């Protein structure tokens, strides 16, 4: 029978760089996730590997809904430099996204002139949360969405670089600095 020290030594050996299981396992990144688009086309984050990505849960009837304007500003300003963005309509907070595709499009496209991709409505919290949001909650458990318009920044390596609260405007200097840092990373 192995004692505790032998088990720890074997575990350390297997986890050492260049040895054992550690070299065959890879870390899950955001690029492993897909959203169903509002237009019924899949939004594969893998198609944007190597680029920073903003993922934001949205709602049409929220006090933060005017943030669509700032999100569109970011999209317009940074997409040619490599930023990708996806809005994820969700009814999880206050029932503020009760409608379907038509109502979501009216708000996002009609009222706020959003041109960045939107997914179909999805849960962002709880056991039925979209897999991206379940992964994000494991990666950054202290930065999970607590309301609509929570913004995640995925870095060029596919890891979560930051989470920004609903109250933080999309054009806040901290968000802009984080995006520009990722765009400048090689």
Foldseek 3Di string as FASTA:
>chain_A
DDDPVVVVVVVCQQCDPPHHPVVVDDDDFQQVDWFQFLVRRIDRSVVLALAKEKEFEAFQQDPLLVLLQVVQVCCVVCVVLRYAYEYAYECAAPNRHVDFSVSVCCRNCVVRNHDHIYGGHAALDDPRGGPSSVVVCVQCVVQGAPHGTWMWMQANNRHTPDIHYSPDRCVPPVNVVVNVVRSPDD
